[in-house]
Amino acid sequence: MYNFKDVSKKYINNYLVYHNFVNFAKESRMDKEQILFNHILNTDCISKVDKLGDRPSVPLIVV
């Protein structure tokens, strides 16, 4: 048995899909690489960056 690399619950679905694709897909290695490459090129990636400097000021109520 091999050592399992721990995966966060947040990413477990991605890990399982990748693991099953790599280990159980019937395609050749080159076909798998081409499938993954096409998937990477055609998948939208959304990233969120929070920059405090770009946020508008919050008005304060002075009593």
PDB file of N, CA and C in Angstrom:
ATOM      1  N   MET A   1       0.849  -1.183   0.000  1.00  0.00           N
ATOM      2  CA  MET A   1       0.000   0.000   0.000  1.00  0.00           C
ATOM      3  C   MET A   1       0.891   1.241   0.000  1.00  0.00           C
ATOM      4  N   TYR A   2       0.481   2.258  -0.739  1.00  0.00           N
ATOM      5  CA  TYR A   2       1.278   3.475  -0.841  1.00  0.00           C
ATOM      6  C   TYR A   2       0.801   4.513   0.169  1.00  0.00           C
ATOM      7  N   ASN A   3       1.629   5.516   0.399  1.00  0.00           N
ATOM      8  CA  ASN A   3       1.266   6.593   1.321  1.00  0.00           C
ATOM      9  C   ASN A   3       0.268   7.526   0.646  1.00  0.00           C
ATOM     10  N   PHE A   4      -0.846   7.753   1.301  1.00  0.00           N
ATOM     11  CA  PHE A   4      -1.886   8.625   0.772  1.00  0.00           C
ATOM     12  C   PHE A   4      -1.521  10.070   1.058  1.00  0.00           C
ATOM     13  N   LYS A   5      -1.585  10.907   0.046  1.00  0.00           N
ATOM     14  CA  LYS A   5      -1.365  12.339   0.217  1.00  0.00           C
ATOM     15  C   LYS A   5      -2.696  12.967   0.596  1.00  0.00           C
ATOM     16  N   ASP A   6      -2.741  13.599   1.744  1.00  0.00           N
ATOM     17  CA  ASP A   6      -3.978  14.175   2.253  1.00  0.00           C
ATOM     18  C   ASP A   6      -4.482  15.271   1.318  1.00  0.00           C
ATOM     19  N   VAL A   7      -5.790  15.304   1.122  1.00  0.00           N
ATOM     20  CA  VAL A   7      -6.425  16.289   0.258  1.00  0.00           C
ATOM     21  C   VAL A   7      -7.497  17.002   1.067  1.00  0.00           C
ATOM     22  N   SER A   8      -7.525  18.310   0.974  1.00  0.00           N
ATOM     23  CA  SER A   8      -8.529  19.099   1.669  1.00  0.00           C
ATOM     24  C   SER A   8      -9.925  18.741   1.163  1.00  0.00           C
ATOM     25  N   LYS A   9     -10.913  18.817   2.052  1.00  0.00           N
ATOM     26  CA  LYS A   9     -12.296  18.539   1.635  1.00  0.00           C
ATOM     27  C   LYS A   9     -12.726  19.471   0.510  1.00  0.00           C
ATOM     28  N   LYS A  10     -12.157  20.653   0.480  1.00  0.00           N
ATOM     29  CA  LYS A  10     -12.507  21.625  -0.548  1.00  0.00           C
ATOM     30  C   LYS A  10     -12.158  21.106  -1.946  1.00  0.00           C
ATOM     31  N   TYR A  11     -11.087  20.320  -2.052  1.00  0.00           N
ATOM     32  CA  TYR A  11     -10.601  19.866  -3.351  1.00  0.00           C
ATOM     33  C   TYR A  11     -10.792  18.379  -3.594  1.00  0.00           C
ATOM     34  N   ILE A  12     -11.487  17.672  -2.703  1.00  0.00           N
ATOM     35  CA  ILE A  12     -11.585  16.215  -2.820  1.00  0.00           C
ATOM     36  C   ILE A  12     -12.273  15.787  -4.118  1.00  0.00           C
ATOM     37  N   ASN A  13     -13.290  16.509  -4.563  1.00  0.00           N
ATOM     38  CA  ASN A  13     -13.966  16.141  -5.811  1.00  0.00           C
ATOM     39  C   ASN A  13     -13.017  16.237  -7.001  1.00  0.00           C
ATOM     40  N   ASN A  14     -12.239  17.322  -7.062  1.00  0.00           N
ATOM     41  CA  ASN A  14     -11.271  17.470  -8.151  1.00  0.00           C
ATOM     42  C   ASN A  14     -10.242  16.350  -8.110  1.00  0.00           C
ATOM     43  N   TYR A  15      -9.778  16.028  -6.908  1.00  0.00           N
ATOM     44  CA  TYR A  15      -8.783  14.965  -6.765  1.00  0.00           C
ATOM     45  C   TYR A  15      -9.336  13.630  -7.243  1.00  0.00           C
ATOM     46  N   LEU A  16     -10.555  13.308  -6.853  1.00  0.00           N
ATOM     47  CA  LEU A  16     -11.138  12.023  -7.240  1.00  0.00           C
ATOM     48  C   LEU A  16     -11.337  11.921  -8.749  1.00  0.00           C
ATOM     49  N   VAL A  17     -11.783  12.990  -9.364  1.00  0.00           N
ATOM     50  CA  VAL A  17     -11.953  12.981 -10.819  1.00  0.00           C
ATOM     51  C   VAL A  17     -10.604  12.782 -11.498  1.00  0.00           C
ATOM     52  N   TYR A  18      -9.599  13.524 -11.052  1.00  0.00           N
ATOM     53  CA  TYR A  18      -8.266  13.393 -11.643  1.00  0.00           C
ATOM     54  C   TYR A  18      -7.697  11.993 -11.413  1.00  0.00           C
ATOM     55  N   HIS A  19      -7.811  11.499 -10.188  1.00  0.00           N
ATOM     56  CA  HIS A  19      -7.288  10.172  -9.849  1.00  0.00           C
ATOM     57  C   HIS A  19      -7.943   9.099 -10.720  1.00  0.00           C
ATOM     58  N   ASN A  20      -9.256   9.132 -10.836  1.00  0.00           N
ATOM     59  CA  ASN A  20      -9.959   8.140 -11.652  1.00  0.00           C
ATOM     60  C   ASN A  20      -9.591   8.269 -13.127  1.00  0.00           C
ATOM     61  N   PHE A  21      -9.460   9.497 -13.598  1.00  0.00           N
ATOM     62  CA  PHE A  21      -9.078   9.709 -14.996  1.00  0.00           C
ATOM     63  C   PHE A  21      -7.699   9.117 -15.275  1.00  0.00           C
ATOM     64  N   VAL A  22      -6.738   9.414 -14.413  1.00  0.00           N
ATOM     65  CA  VAL A  22      -5.367   8.956 -14.626  1.00  0.00           C
ATOM     66  C   VAL A  22      -5.254   7.445 -14.490  1.00  0.00           C
ATOM     67  N   ASN A  23      -5.931   6.864 -13.510  1.00  0.00           N
ATOM     68  CA  ASN A  23      -5.726   5.453 -13.202  1.00  0.00           C
ATOM     69  C   ASN A  23      -6.671   4.492 -13.916  1.00  0.00           C
ATOM     70  N   PHE A  24      -7.839   4.962 -14.345  1.00  0.00           N
ATOM     71  CA  PHE A  24      -8.820   4.029 -14.885  1.00  0.00           C
ATOM     72  C   PHE A  24      -9.230   4.298 -16.326  1.00  0.00           C
ATOM     73  N   ALA A  25      -8.841   5.433 -16.894  1.00  0.00           N
ATOM     74  CA  ALA A  25      -9.188   5.720 -18.288  1.00  0.00           C
ATOM     75  C   ALA A  25      -8.425   4.762 -19.199  1.00  0.00           C
ATOM     76  N   LYS A  26      -9.072   4.334 -20.261  1.00  0.00           N
ATOM     77  CA  LYS A  26      -8.496   3.327 -21.159  1.00  0.00           C
ATOM     78  C   LYS A  26      -7.602   3.932 -22.243  1.00  0.00           C
ATOM     79  N   GLU A  27      -7.582   5.250 -22.356  1.00  0.00           N
ATOM     80  CA  GLU A  27      -6.780   5.887 -23.393  1.00  0.00           C
ATOM     81  C   GLU A  27      -5.286   5.733 -23.095  1.00  0.00           C
ATOM     82  N   SER A  28      -4.475   5.944 -24.126  1.00  0.00           N
ATOM     83  CA  SER A  28      -3.022   5.904 -23.934  1.00  0.00           C
ATOM     84  C   SER A  28      -2.583   7.155 -23.177  1.00  0.00           C
ATOM     85  N   ARG A  29      -1.342   7.157 -22.733  1.00  0.00           N
ATOM     86  CA  ARG A  29      -0.838   8.303 -21.985  1.00  0.00           C
ATOM     87  C   ARG A  29      -0.890   9.572 -22.829  1.00  0.00           C
ATOM     88  N   MET A  30      -0.503   9.481 -24.082  1.00  0.00           N
ATOM     89  CA  MET A  30      -0.528  10.658 -24.957  1.00  0.00           C
ATOM     90  C   MET A  30      -1.952  11.169 -25.151  1.00  0.00           C
ATOM     91  N   ASP A  31      -2.913  10.268 -25.292  1.00  0.00           N
ATOM     92  CA  ASP A  31      -4.314  10.677 -25.428  1.00  0.00           C
ATOM     93  C   ASP A  31      -4.792  11.371 -24.160  1.00  0.00           C
ATOM     94  N   LYS A  32      -4.424  10.836 -23.003  1.00  0.00           N
ATOM     95  CA  LYS A  32      -4.809  11.454 -21.727  1.00  0.00           C
ATOM     96  C   LYS A  32      -4.219  12.857 -21.613  1.00  0.00           C
ATOM     97  N   GLU A  33      -2.946  13.005 -21.995  1.00  0.00           N
ATOM     98  CA  GLU A  33      -2.318  14.325 -21.937  1.00  0.00           C
ATOM     99  C   GLU A  33      -3.035  15.307 -22.852  1.00  0.00           C
ATOM    100  N   GLN A  34      -3.430  14.855 -24.028  1.00  0.00           N
ATOM    101  CA  GLN A  34      -4.138  15.727 -24.969  1.00  0.00           C
ATOM    102  C   GLN A  34      -5.515  16.114 -24.425  1.00  0.00           C
ATOM    103  N   ILE A  35      -6.209  15.168 -23.819  1.00  0.00           N
ATOM    104  CA  ILE A  35      -7.522  15.449 -23.229  1.00  0.00           C
ATOM    105  C   ILE A  35      -7.388  16.483 -22.119  1.00  0.00           C
ATOM    106  N   LEU A  36      -6.407  16.299 -21.229  1.00  0.00           N
ATOM    107  CA  LEU A  36      -6.199  17.252 -20.134  1.00  0.00           C
ATOM    108  C   LEU A  36      -5.800  18.625 -20.664  1.00  0.00           C
ATOM    109  N   PHE A  37      -4.936  18.651 -21.660  1.00  0.00           N
ATOM    110  CA  PHE A  37      -4.501  19.920 -22.234  1.00  0.00           C
ATOM    111  C   PHE A  37      -5.680  20.672 -22.846  1.00  0.00           C
ATOM    112  N   ASN A  38      -6.522  19.975 -23.592  1.00  0.00           N
ATOM    113  CA  ASN A  38      -7.715  20.602 -24.171  1.00  0.00           C
ATOM    114  C   ASN A  38      -8.660  21.092 -23.089  1.00  0.00           C
ATOM    115  N   HIS A  39      -8.795  20.325 -22.024  1.00  0.00           N
ATOM    116  CA  HIS A  39      -9.658  20.735 -20.912  1.00  0.00           C
ATOM    117  C   HIS A  39      -9.131  22.016 -20.265  1.00  0.00           C
ATOM    118  N   ILE A  40      -7.821  22.081 -20.062  1.00  0.00           N
ATOM    119  CA  ILE A  40      -7.216  23.273 -19.459  1.00  0.00           C
ATOM    120  C   ILE A  40      -7.433  24.493 -20.342  1.00  0.00           C
ATOM    121  N   LEU A  41      -7.255  24.339 -21.641  1.00  0.00           N
ATOM    122  CA  LEU A  41      -7.409  25.472 -22.553  1.00  0.00           C
ATOM    123  C   LEU A  41      -8.851  25.947 -22.662  1.00  0.00           C
ATOM    124  N   ASN A  42      -9.812  25.045 -22.487  1.00  0.00           N
ATOM    125  CA  ASN A  42     -11.216  25.383 -22.720  1.00  0.00           C
ATOM    126  C   ASN A  42     -12.030  25.602 -21.454  1.00  0.00           C
ATOM    127  N   THR A  43     -11.389  25.595 -20.293  1.00  0.00           N
ATOM    128  CA  THR A  43     -12.101  25.775 -19.037  1.00  0.00           C
ATOM    129  C   THR A  43     -11.891  27.192 -18.532  1.00  0.00           C
ATOM    130  N   ASP A  44     -12.991  27.841 -18.170  1.00  0.00           N
ATOM    131  CA  ASP A  44     -12.900  29.181 -17.596  1.00  0.00           C
ATOM    132  C   ASP A  44     -12.408  29.080 -16.162  1.00  0.00           C
ATOM    133  N   CYS A  45     -11.493  29.952 -15.824  1.00  0.00           N
ATOM    134  CA  CYS A  45     -10.961  29.993 -14.464  1.00  0.00           C
ATOM    135  C   CYS A  45     -11.324  31.343 -13.866  1.00  0.00           C
ATOM    136  N   ILE A  46     -11.971  31.311 -12.736  1.00  0.00           N
ATOM    137  CA  ILE A  46     -12.372  32.539 -12.060  1.00  0.00           C
ATOM    138  C   ILE A  46     -11.554  32.657 -10.788  1.00  0.00           C
ATOM    139  N   SER A  47     -10.888  33.777 -10.636  1.00  0.00           N
ATOM    140  CA  SER A  47     -10.128  34.003  -9.406  1.00  0.00           C
ATOM    141  C   SER A  47     -10.599  35.310  -8.788  1.00  0.00           C
ATOM    142  N   LYS A  48     -10.545  35.359  -7.495  1.00  0.00           N
ATOM    143  CA  LYS A  48     -11.006  36.529  -6.764  1.00  0.00           C
ATOM    144  C   LYS A  48      -9.826  37.109  -6.007  1.00  0.00           C
ATOM    145  N   VAL A  49      -9.612  38.384  -6.193  1.00  0.00           N
ATOM    146  CA  VAL A  49      -8.532  39.065  -5.498  1.00  0.00           C
ATOM    147  C   VAL A  49      -9.148  40.207  -4.711  1.00  0.00           C
ATOM    148  N   ASP A  50      -8.894  40.205  -3.445  1.00  0.00           N
ATOM    149  CA  ASP A  50      -9.385  41.280  -2.589  1.00  0.00           C
ATOM    150  C   ASP A  50      -8.235  42.238  -2.303  1.00  0.00           C
ATOM    151  N   LYS A  51      -8.369  43.436  -2.826  1.00  0.00           N
ATOM    152  CA  LYS A  51      -7.352  44.449  -2.574  1.00  0.00           C
ATOM    153  C   LYS A  51      -8.004  45.580  -1.796  1.00  0.00           C
ATOM    154  N   LEU A  52      -7.515  45.816  -0.615  1.00  0.00           N
ATOM    155  CA  LEU A  52      -8.095  46.866   0.217  1.00  0.00           C
ATOM    156  C   LEU A  52      -7.938  48.239  -0.417  1.00  0.00           C
ATOM    157  N   GLY A  53      -6.854  48.454  -1.111  1.00  0.00           N
ATOM    158  CA  GLY A  53      -6.614  49.759  -1.715  1.00  0.00           C
ATOM    159  C   GLY A  53      -7.609  50.112  -2.803  1.00  0.00           C
ATOM    160  N   ASP A  54      -8.235  49.125  -3.408  1.00  0.00           N
ATOM    161  CA  ASP A  54      -9.180  49.376  -4.496  1.00  0.00           C
ATOM    162  C   ASP A  54     -10.621  49.534  -4.022  1.00  0.00           C
ATOM    163  N   ARG A  55     -10.862  49.284  -2.754  1.00  0.00           N
ATOM    164  CA  ARG A  55     -12.230  49.373  -2.227  1.00  0.00           C
ATOM    165  C   ARG A  55     -12.591  50.821  -1.918  1.00  0.00           C
ATOM    166  N   PRO A  56     -13.877  51.169  -2.094  1.00  0.00           N
ATOM    167  CA  PRO A  56     -14.303  52.525  -1.716  1.00  0.00           C
ATOM    168  C   PRO A  56     -14.307  52.668  -0.193  1.00  0.00           C
ATOM    169  N   SER A  57     -14.162  53.899   0.252  1.00  0.00           N
ATOM    170  CA  SER A  57     -14.157  54.168   1.691  1.00  0.00           C
ATOM    171  C   SER A  57     -15.519  53.886   2.295  1.00  0.00           C
ATOM    172  N   VAL A  58     -15.505  53.406   3.523  1.00  0.00           N
ATOM    173  CA  VAL A  58     -16.747  53.158   4.250  1.00  0.00           C
ATOM    174  C   VAL A  58     -17.055  54.408   5.062  1.00  0.00           C
ATOM    175  N   PRO A  59     -18.238  55.004   4.848  1.00  0.00           N
ATOM    176  CA  PRO A  59     -18.571  56.213   5.614  1.00  0.00           C
ATOM    177  C   PRO A  59     -18.775  55.879   7.090  1.00  0.00           C
ATOM    178  N   LEU A  60     -18.238  56.717   7.946  1.00  0.00           N
ATOM    179  CA  LEU A  60     -18.379  56.531   9.389  1.00  0.00           C
ATOM    180  C   LEU A  60     -19.385  57.529   9.930  1.00  0.00           C
ATOM    181  N   ILE A  61     -20.173  57.072  10.869  1.00  0.00           N
ATOM    182  CA  ILE A  61     -21.145  57.949  11.522  1.00  0.00           C
ATOM    183  C   ILE A  61     -20.485  58.513  12.776  1.00  0.00           C
ATOM    184  N   VAL A  62     -20.390  59.827  12.827  1.00  0.00           N
ATOM    185  CA  VAL A  62     -19.785  60.494  13.983  1.00  0.00           C
ATOM    186  C   VAL A  62     -20.907  61.081  14.812  1.00  0.00           C
ATOM    187  N   VAL A  63     -20.911  60.732  16.083  1.00  0.00           N
ATOM    188  CA  VAL A  63     -21.979  61.212  16.969  1.00  0.00           C
ATOM    189  C   VAL A  63     -21.500  62.373  17.777  1.00  0.00           C
TER     190      VAL A  63
END
